[in-house]
């Protein structure tokens, strides 16, 4: 079974996408384009990271990410567009390394428009660039960032910048679960019942990573990077001039 998510994008129906649908209350057959879906996957509660690879105060802004990026669809025959705008947080009261990403998307006939805002901070493990999506941070009407730091939770993604090209790799939920179950990473797996729509529920495995920054870095450097961020989940963007 597959869900059609606007702009002709199809995804296999697995637990990661189910979790994403629940987080943004997206019903089945919804038409949300790809960068909104990316944020949905990242901000879902399927696999949370408790301990960041680097503390937000020590993170450095990655200027390579600044600007406007257009999502390159694998199948563009349905039309629509997806853009990702990345800049500084705009809030002088949060660590300088925190960045802000805003997605704007529409479907082929422009009948549905989606947008989402996320805050994140970069980290490096060897030559690998990673971003920590801050789950409980959101923009206020005043332009400042509201961030409840009493319950820190993050999502990791990998990204590669090559001049005017950007590749984003979300975490593979199944791989994270397997790493925890096999004892390669410290964490917990618990059953969770989620509501997809009226009278429709689905049970998922909620995973929380409780691994230290040092051990997680070692895991990623020892081959875990390719397991957690597989090529098949790659999303490609080109920078707008």
C-alpha atoms as a PDB file:
ATOM      1  CA  UNK A   1       0.000   0.000   0.000  1.00  0.00           C
ATOM      2  CA  UNK A   2       1.218   3.557  -0.642  1.00  0.00           C
ATOM      3  CA  UNK A   3       0.130   7.052   0.221  1.00  0.00           C
ATOM      4  CA  UNK A   4       0.128   9.768  -2.386  1.00  0.00           C
ATOM      5  CA  UNK A   5       1.632  12.898  -0.898  1.00  0.00           C
ATOM      6  CA  UNK A   6       1.121  15.607  -3.456  1.00  0.00           C
ATOM      7  CA  UNK A   7       3.439  16.459  -6.340  1.00  0.00           C
ATOM      8  CA  UNK A   8       3.309  12.835  -7.465  1.00  0.00           C
ATOM      9  CA  UNK A   9       5.416  11.561  -4.586  1.00  0.00           C
ATOM     10  CA  UNK A  10       4.745   8.005  -3.411  1.00  0.00           C
ATOM     11  CA  UNK A  11       6.023   6.408  -0.237  1.00  0.00           C
ATOM     12  CA  UNK A  12       5.710   2.890   1.030  1.00  0.00           C
ATOM     13  CA  UNK A  13       3.373   2.560   3.952  1.00  0.00           C
ATOM     14  CA  UNK A  14       5.687   1.744   6.863  1.00  0.00           C
ATOM     15  CA  UNK A  15       5.912   2.762  10.503  1.00  0.00           C
ATOM     16  CA  UNK A  16       8.051   5.823   9.853  1.00  0.00           C
ATOM     17  CA  UNK A  17       5.530   7.417   7.506  1.00  0.00           C
ATOM     18  CA  UNK A  18       2.647   6.398   9.790  1.00  0.00           C
ATOM     19  CA  UNK A  19       4.378   8.236  12.619  1.00  0.00           C
ATOM     20  CA  UNK A  20       4.877  11.253  10.386  1.00  0.00           C
ATOM     21  CA  UNK A  21       1.211  11.324   9.426  1.00  0.00           C
ATOM     22  CA  UNK A  22       0.202  11.261  13.076  1.00  0.00           C
ATOM     23  CA  UNK A  23       2.531  14.090  14.101  1.00  0.00           C
ATOM     24  CA  UNK A  24       1.003  16.564  11.662  1.00  0.00           C
ATOM     25  CA  UNK A  25      -2.496  15.031  11.806  1.00  0.00           C
ATOM     26  CA  UNK A  26      -2.347  14.289   8.083  1.00  0.00           C
ATOM     27  CA  UNK A  27      -5.196  11.967   7.014  1.00  0.00           C
ATOM     28  CA  UNK A  28      -4.774   9.174   4.510  1.00  0.00           C
ATOM     29  CA  UNK A  29      -4.838  10.393   0.875  1.00  0.00           C
ATOM     30  CA  UNK A  30      -3.633  13.819   2.001  1.00  0.00           C
ATOM     31  CA  UNK A  31      -1.743  15.843  -0.567  1.00  0.00           C
ATOM     32  CA  UNK A  32       1.294  17.280   1.162  1.00  0.00           C
ATOM     33  CA  UNK A  33       4.479  17.756  -0.858  1.00  0.00           C
ATOM     34  CA  UNK A  34       7.919  16.506  -0.080  1.00  0.00           C
ATOM     35  CA  UNK A  35       9.693  19.005   2.169  1.00  0.00           C
ATOM     36  CA  UNK A  36       6.688  19.143   4.475  1.00  0.00           C
ATOM     37  CA  UNK A  37       6.781  15.355   4.560  1.00  0.00           C
ATOM     38  CA  UNK A  38      10.487  15.494   5.362  1.00  0.00           C
ATOM     39  CA  UNK A  39       9.819  17.673   8.388  1.00  0.00           C
ATOM     40  CA  UNK A  40       6.957  15.407   9.389  1.00  0.00           C
ATOM     41  CA  UNK A  41       9.261  12.397   9.369  1.00  0.00           C
ATOM     42  CA  UNK A  42      11.929  14.262  11.292  1.00  0.00           C
ATOM     43  CA  UNK A  43       9.624  15.661  13.924  1.00  0.00           C
ATOM     44  CA  UNK A  44       7.628  12.494  14.531  1.00  0.00           C
ATOM     45  CA  UNK A  45       8.050  10.844  17.915  1.00  0.00           C
ATOM     46  CA  UNK A  46       9.114   7.504  16.416  1.00  0.00           C
ATOM     47  CA  UNK A  47      12.791   7.793  17.243  1.00  0.00           C
ATOM     48  CA  UNK A  48      13.910  10.512  19.631  1.00  0.00           C
ATOM     49  CA  UNK A  49      17.485  11.349  20.577  1.00  0.00           C
ATOM     50  CA  UNK A  50      17.989  12.401  24.195  1.00  0.00           C
ATOM     51  CA  UNK A  51      21.686  13.265  24.101  1.00  0.00           C
ATOM     52  CA  UNK A  52      22.893  15.451  21.208  1.00  0.00           C
ATOM     53  CA  UNK A  53      26.262  14.847  19.577  1.00  0.00           C
ATOM     54  CA  UNK A  54      27.159  18.400  20.546  1.00  0.00           C
ATOM     55  CA  UNK A  55      25.562  20.817  22.993  1.00  0.00           C
ATOM     56  CA  UNK A  56      23.621  23.637  21.285  1.00  0.00           C
ATOM     57  CA  UNK A  57      25.878  26.258  22.869  1.00  0.00           C
ATOM     58  CA  UNK A  58      28.913  24.729  21.143  1.00  0.00           C
ATOM     59  CA  UNK A  59      27.317  24.299  17.726  1.00  0.00           C
ATOM     60  CA  UNK A  60      28.538  26.441  14.842  1.00  0.00           C
ATOM     61  CA  UNK A  61      26.297  27.867  12.161  1.00  0.00           C
ATOM     62  CA  UNK A  62      26.825  26.166   8.795  1.00  0.00           C
ATOM     63  CA  UNK A  63      26.824  29.001   6.287  1.00  0.00           C
ATOM     64  CA  UNK A  64      26.778  26.555   3.369  1.00  0.00           C
ATOM     65  CA  UNK A  65      23.114  25.886   4.178  1.00  0.00           C
ATOM     66  CA  UNK A  66      21.984  29.509   4.084  1.00  0.00           C
ATOM     67  CA  UNK A  67      19.649  30.390   1.229  1.00  0.00           C
ATOM     68  CA  UNK A  68      16.707  29.046  -0.751  1.00  0.00           C
ATOM     69  CA  UNK A  69      16.660  25.472  -2.041  1.00  0.00           C
ATOM     70  CA  UNK A  70      14.315  23.798  -4.520  1.00  0.00           C
ATOM     71  CA  UNK A  71      13.431  20.152  -4.103  1.00  0.00           C
ATOM     72  CA  UNK A  72      14.330  18.052  -7.138  1.00  0.00           C
ATOM     73  CA  UNK A  73      11.442  15.644  -7.616  1.00  0.00           C
ATOM     74  CA  UNK A  74      12.199  12.194  -8.981  1.00  0.00           C
ATOM     75  CA  UNK A  75       8.927  12.406 -10.935  1.00  0.00           C
ATOM     76  CA  UNK A  76       7.837  15.908 -11.901  1.00  0.00           C
ATOM     77  CA  UNK A  77       4.906  15.085 -14.172  1.00  0.00           C
ATOM     78  CA  UNK A  78       2.336  15.974 -11.502  1.00  0.00           C
ATOM     79  CA  UNK A  79       3.624  19.539 -11.136  1.00  0.00           C
ATOM     80  CA  UNK A  80       3.666  21.528  -7.922  1.00  0.00           C
ATOM     81  CA  UNK A  81       6.734  22.819  -6.154  1.00  0.00           C
ATOM     82  CA  UNK A  82       8.698  22.351  -2.937  1.00  0.00           C
ATOM     83  CA  UNK A  83      11.122  24.894  -1.504  1.00  0.00           C
ATOM     84  CA  UNK A  84      13.297  24.905   1.580  1.00  0.00           C
ATOM     85  CA  UNK A  85      14.477  28.214   3.056  1.00  0.00           C
ATOM     86  CA  UNK A  86      17.320  28.049   5.580  1.00  0.00           C
ATOM     87  CA  UNK A  87      18.661  30.938   7.655  1.00  0.00           C
ATOM     88  CA  UNK A  88      19.748  32.010  11.107  1.00  0.00           C
ATOM     89  CA  UNK A  89      17.313  31.587  13.974  1.00  0.00           C
ATOM     90  CA  UNK A  90      16.594  35.308  14.130  1.00  0.00           C
ATOM     91  CA  UNK A  91      16.577  35.120  17.918  1.00  0.00           C
ATOM     92  CA  UNK A  92      19.479  36.775  19.761  1.00  0.00           C
ATOM     93  CA  UNK A  93      18.544  34.958  22.982  1.00  0.00           C
ATOM     94  CA  UNK A  94      19.339  31.436  21.727  1.00  0.00           C
ATOM     95  CA  UNK A  95      22.747  29.941  20.874  1.00  0.00           C
ATOM     96  CA  UNK A  96      24.239  31.426  17.697  1.00  0.00           C
ATOM     97  CA  UNK A  97      24.612  28.003  16.074  1.00  0.00           C
ATOM     98  CA  UNK A  98      20.873  27.361  15.973  1.00  0.00           C
ATOM     99  CA  UNK A  99      19.394  27.697  12.488  1.00  0.00           C
ATOM    100  CA  UNK A 100      15.869  27.950  11.092  1.00  0.00           C
ATOM    101  CA  UNK A 101      14.386  26.014   8.183  1.00  0.00           C
ATOM    102  CA  UNK A 102      11.042  26.798   6.544  1.00  0.00           C
ATOM    103  CA  UNK A 103       9.445  24.631   3.873  1.00  0.00           C
ATOM    104  CA  UNK A 104       6.813  25.880   1.432  1.00  0.00           C
ATOM    105  CA  UNK A 105       5.066  23.430  -0.875  1.00  0.00           C
ATOM    106  CA  UNK A 106       2.050  23.158  -3.131  1.00  0.00           C
ATOM    107  CA  UNK A 107       0.517  20.435  -5.273  1.00  0.00           C
ATOM    108  CA  UNK A 108       0.045  20.449  -9.054  1.00  0.00           C
ATOM    109  CA  UNK A 109      -3.150  22.502  -9.245  1.00  0.00           C
ATOM    110  CA  UNK A 110      -2.158  24.738  -6.322  1.00  0.00           C
ATOM    111  CA  UNK A 111      -5.248  23.709  -4.384  1.00  0.00           C
ATOM    112  CA  UNK A 112      -3.224  22.709  -1.334  1.00  0.00           C
ATOM    113  CA  UNK A 113      -0.440  24.727   0.231  1.00  0.00           C
ATOM    114  CA  UNK A 114       1.712  23.410   3.051  1.00  0.00           C
ATOM    115  CA  UNK A 115       4.409  25.002   5.183  1.00  0.00           C
ATOM    116  CA  UNK A 116       6.379  24.021   8.238  1.00  0.00           C
ATOM    117  CA  UNK A 117       9.100  25.600  10.381  1.00  0.00           C
ATOM    118  CA  UNK A 118      11.828  23.757  12.263  1.00  0.00           C
ATOM    119  CA  UNK A 119      14.872  24.824  14.270  1.00  0.00           C
ATOM    120  CA  UNK A 120      18.100  22.841  14.231  1.00  0.00           C
ATOM    121  CA  UNK A 121      21.822  22.991  14.969  1.00  0.00           C
ATOM    122  CA  UNK A 122      24.648  21.321  13.026  1.00  0.00           C
ATOM    123  CA  UNK A 123      27.299  18.859  14.190  1.00  0.00           C
ATOM    124  CA  UNK A 124      30.222  17.064  12.584  1.00  0.00           C
ATOM    125  CA  UNK A 125      31.284  13.444  13.045  1.00  0.00           C
ATOM    126  CA  UNK A 126      34.475  13.061  11.063  1.00  0.00           C
ATOM    127  CA  UNK A 127      33.610  14.317   7.586  1.00  0.00           C
ATOM    128  CA  UNK A 128      29.886  13.697   8.043  1.00  0.00           C
ATOM    129  CA  UNK A 129      27.554  16.680   8.525  1.00  0.00           C
ATOM    130  CA  UNK A 130      24.563  16.104  10.789  1.00  0.00           C
ATOM    131  CA  UNK A 131      21.719  18.291  11.978  1.00  0.00           C
ATOM    132  CA  UNK A 132      19.809  18.066  15.251  1.00  0.00           C
ATOM    133  CA  UNK A 133      16.168  18.970  14.695  1.00  0.00           C
ATOM    134  CA  UNK A 134      14.857  20.469  17.962  1.00  0.00           C
ATOM    135  CA  UNK A 135      11.509  18.783  18.483  1.00  0.00           C
ATOM    136  CA  UNK A 136      10.022  21.086  21.104  1.00  0.00           C
ATOM    137  CA  UNK A 137      11.034  24.386  19.500  1.00  0.00           C
ATOM    138  CA  UNK A 138       8.565  26.488  17.550  1.00  0.00           C
ATOM    139  CA  UNK A 139       8.325  30.055  16.246  1.00  0.00           C
ATOM    140  CA  UNK A 140       6.273  32.635  18.093  1.00  0.00           C
ATOM    141  CA  UNK A 141       4.282  35.423  16.442  1.00  0.00           C
ATOM    142  CA  UNK A 142       6.904  37.835  17.770  1.00  0.00           C
ATOM    143  CA  UNK A 143       9.566  36.105  15.693  1.00  0.00           C
ATOM    144  CA  UNK A 144      11.331  34.616  18.683  1.00  0.00           C
ATOM    145  CA  UNK A 145      11.830  30.925  19.239  1.00  0.00           C
ATOM    146  CA  UNK A 146       9.921  29.123  21.973  1.00  0.00           C
ATOM    147  CA  UNK A 147      12.030  26.248  23.279  1.00  0.00           C
ATOM    148  CA  UNK A 148      11.214  24.094  26.277  1.00  0.00           C
ATOM    149  CA  UNK A 149      14.681  22.911  27.296  1.00  0.00           C
ATOM    150  CA  UNK A 150      13.423  21.020  30.340  1.00  0.00           C
ATOM    151  CA  UNK A 151      12.665  18.017  28.098  1.00  0.00           C
ATOM    152  CA  UNK A 152      15.339  17.938  25.383  1.00  0.00           C
ATOM    153  CA  UNK A 153      14.465  15.772  22.382  1.00  0.00           C
ATOM    154  CA  UNK A 154      16.095  15.816  18.997  1.00  0.00           C
ATOM    155  CA  UNK A 155      15.951  14.143  15.608  1.00  0.00           C
ATOM    156  CA  UNK A 156      19.098  13.521  13.612  1.00  0.00           C
ATOM    157  CA  UNK A 157      19.491  13.895   9.872  1.00  0.00           C
ATOM    158  CA  UNK A 158      22.519  13.736   7.638  1.00  0.00           C
ATOM    159  CA  UNK A 159      23.172  16.327   4.970  1.00  0.00           C
ATOM    160  CA  UNK A 160      25.723  16.842   2.215  1.00  0.00           C
ATOM    161  CA  UNK A 161      26.396  20.218   0.608  1.00  0.00           C
ATOM    162  CA  UNK A 162      28.203  20.286  -2.745  1.00  0.00           C
ATOM    163  CA  UNK A 163      28.299  23.880  -3.985  1.00  0.00           C
ATOM    164  CA  UNK A 164      24.722  24.523  -5.212  1.00  0.00           C
ATOM    165  CA  UNK A 165      23.459  21.034  -4.384  1.00  0.00           C
ATOM    166  CA  UNK A 166      22.059  19.795  -1.090  1.00  0.00           C
ATOM    167  CA  UNK A 167      21.253  16.202  -0.176  1.00  0.00           C
ATOM    168  CA  UNK A 168      19.265  15.405   2.969  1.00  0.00           C
ATOM    169  CA  UNK A 169      19.061  11.940   4.507  1.00  0.00           C
ATOM    170  CA  UNK A 170      16.403  11.324   7.197  1.00  0.00           C
ATOM    171  CA  UNK A 171      16.963   8.588   9.762  1.00  0.00           C
ATOM    172  CA  UNK A 172      15.817   5.130   8.761  1.00  0.00           C
ATOM    173  CA  UNK A 173      13.389   4.273  11.540  1.00  0.00           C
ATOM    174  CA  UNK A 174      13.663   0.504  11.040  1.00  0.00           C
ATOM    175  CA  UNK A 175      17.465   0.671  11.210  1.00  0.00           C
ATOM    176  CA  UNK A 176      17.346   2.649  14.458  1.00  0.00           C
ATOM    177  CA  UNK A 177      14.982   0.100  15.966  1.00  0.00           C
ATOM    178  CA  UNK A 178      17.188  -2.803  14.856  1.00  0.00           C
ATOM    179  CA  UNK A 179      20.274  -1.138  16.354  1.00  0.00           C
ATOM    180  CA  UNK A 180      18.521  -0.756  19.700  1.00  0.00           C
ATOM    181  CA  UNK A 181      17.027  -4.262  19.743  1.00  0.00           C
ATOM    182  CA  UNK A 182      20.391  -5.823  18.832  1.00  0.00           C
ATOM    183  CA  UNK A 183      22.172  -3.880  21.564  1.00  0.00           C
ATOM    184  CA  UNK A 184      24.335  -1.833  19.202  1.00  0.00           C
ATOM    185  CA  UNK A 185      22.804   1.373  20.549  1.00  0.00           C
ATOM    186  CA  UNK A 186      21.340   2.057  23.959  1.00  0.00           C
ATOM    187  CA  UNK A 187      17.651   2.907  23.911  1.00  0.00           C
ATOM    188  CA  UNK A 188      14.110   1.688  24.432  1.00  0.00           C
ATOM    189  CA  UNK A 189      11.365   0.340  22.184  1.00  0.00           C
ATOM    190  CA  UNK A 190       7.755   0.627  23.319  1.00  0.00           C
ATOM    191  CA  UNK A 191       4.401   0.015  21.676  1.00  0.00           C
ATOM    192  CA  UNK A 192       2.321   3.082  20.958  1.00  0.00           C
ATOM    193  CA  UNK A 193      -1.199   3.366  19.608  1.00  0.00           C
ATOM    194  CA  UNK A 194      -1.738   6.280  17.229  1.00  0.00           C
ATOM    195  CA  UNK A 195      -4.871   7.662  15.551  1.00  0.00           C
ATOM    196  CA  UNK A 196      -4.666   8.039  11.779  1.00  0.00           C
ATOM    197  CA  UNK A 197      -8.241   9.154  11.279  1.00  0.00           C
ATOM    198  CA  UNK A 198     -11.671   8.738  12.831  1.00  0.00           C
ATOM    199  CA  UNK A 199     -12.174   5.075  13.772  1.00  0.00           C
ATOM    200  CA  UNK A 200      -8.710   4.226  12.386  1.00  0.00           C
ATOM    201  CA  UNK A 201      -5.794   3.400  14.669  1.00  0.00           C
ATOM    202  CA  UNK A 202      -2.353   1.960  14.114  1.00  0.00           C
ATOM    203  CA  UNK A 203       0.188   0.500  16.518  1.00  0.00           C
ATOM    204  CA  UNK A 204       3.798   1.535  16.122  1.00  0.00           C
ATOM    205  CA  UNK A 205       7.062   0.871  17.935  1.00  0.00           C
ATOM    206  CA  UNK A 206       8.223   4.101  19.546  1.00  0.00           C
ATOM    207  CA  UNK A 207      12.016   4.198  19.799  1.00  0.00           C
ATOM    208  CA  UNK A 208      14.033   6.470  22.059  1.00  0.00           C
ATOM    209  CA  UNK A 209      17.813   6.604  21.799  1.00  0.00           C
ATOM    210  CA  UNK A 210      19.537   7.059  25.144  1.00  0.00           C
ATOM    211  CA  UNK A 211      23.072   6.612  23.849  1.00  0.00           C
ATOM    212  CA  UNK A 212      25.872   8.959  24.900  1.00  0.00           C
ATOM    213  CA  UNK A 213      27.281  11.407  22.359  1.00  0.00           C
ATOM    214  CA  UNK A 214      30.654   9.623  22.466  1.00  0.00           C
ATOM    215  CA  UNK A 215      29.236   6.150  21.792  1.00  0.00           C
ATOM    216  CA  UNK A 216      26.853   7.386  19.099  1.00  0.00           C
ATOM    217  CA  UNK A 217      29.718   9.156  17.343  1.00  0.00           C
ATOM    218  CA  UNK A 218      31.766   5.965  17.513  1.00  0.00           C
ATOM    219  CA  UNK A 219      28.858   3.957  16.080  1.00  0.00           C
ATOM    220  CA  UNK A 220      28.401   6.367  13.176  1.00  0.00           C
ATOM    221  CA  UNK A 221      32.128   6.431  12.416  1.00  0.00           C
ATOM    222  CA  UNK A 222      32.305   2.629  12.501  1.00  0.00           C
ATOM    223  CA  UNK A 223      29.829   2.072   9.679  1.00  0.00           C
ATOM    224  CA  UNK A 224      26.588   3.048  11.387  1.00  0.00           C
ATOM    225  CA  UNK A 225      26.233   6.156   9.237  1.00  0.00           C
ATOM    226  CA  UNK A 226      25.334   4.109   6.167  1.00  0.00           C
ATOM    227  CA  UNK A 227      22.885   1.987   8.151  1.00  0.00           C
ATOM    228  CA  UNK A 228      20.989   4.851   9.750  1.00  0.00           C
ATOM    229  CA  UNK A 229      21.041   7.178   6.726  1.00  0.00           C
ATOM    230  CA  UNK A 230      20.655   4.941   3.644  1.00  0.00           C
ATOM    231  CA  UNK A 231      20.923   6.250   0.110  1.00  0.00           C
ATOM    232  CA  UNK A 232      17.324   5.249  -0.691  1.00  0.00           C
ATOM    233  CA  UNK A 233      16.003   7.990   1.658  1.00  0.00           C
ATOM    234  CA  UNK A 234      18.049  10.729  -0.009  1.00  0.00           C
ATOM    235  CA  UNK A 235      16.217  13.937  -0.901  1.00  0.00           C
ATOM    236  CA  UNK A 236      17.962  16.257  -3.379  1.00  0.00           C
ATOM    237  CA  UNK A 237      17.781  20.055  -3.586  1.00  0.00           C
ATOM    238  CA  UNK A 238      19.364  22.708  -5.801  1.00  0.00           C
ATOM    239  CA  UNK A 239      20.140  26.228  -4.639  1.00  0.00           C
ATOM    240  CA  UNK A 240      18.300  29.169  -6.166  1.00  0.00           C
ATOM    241  CA  UNK A 241      20.422  32.058  -7.413  1.00  0.00           C
END
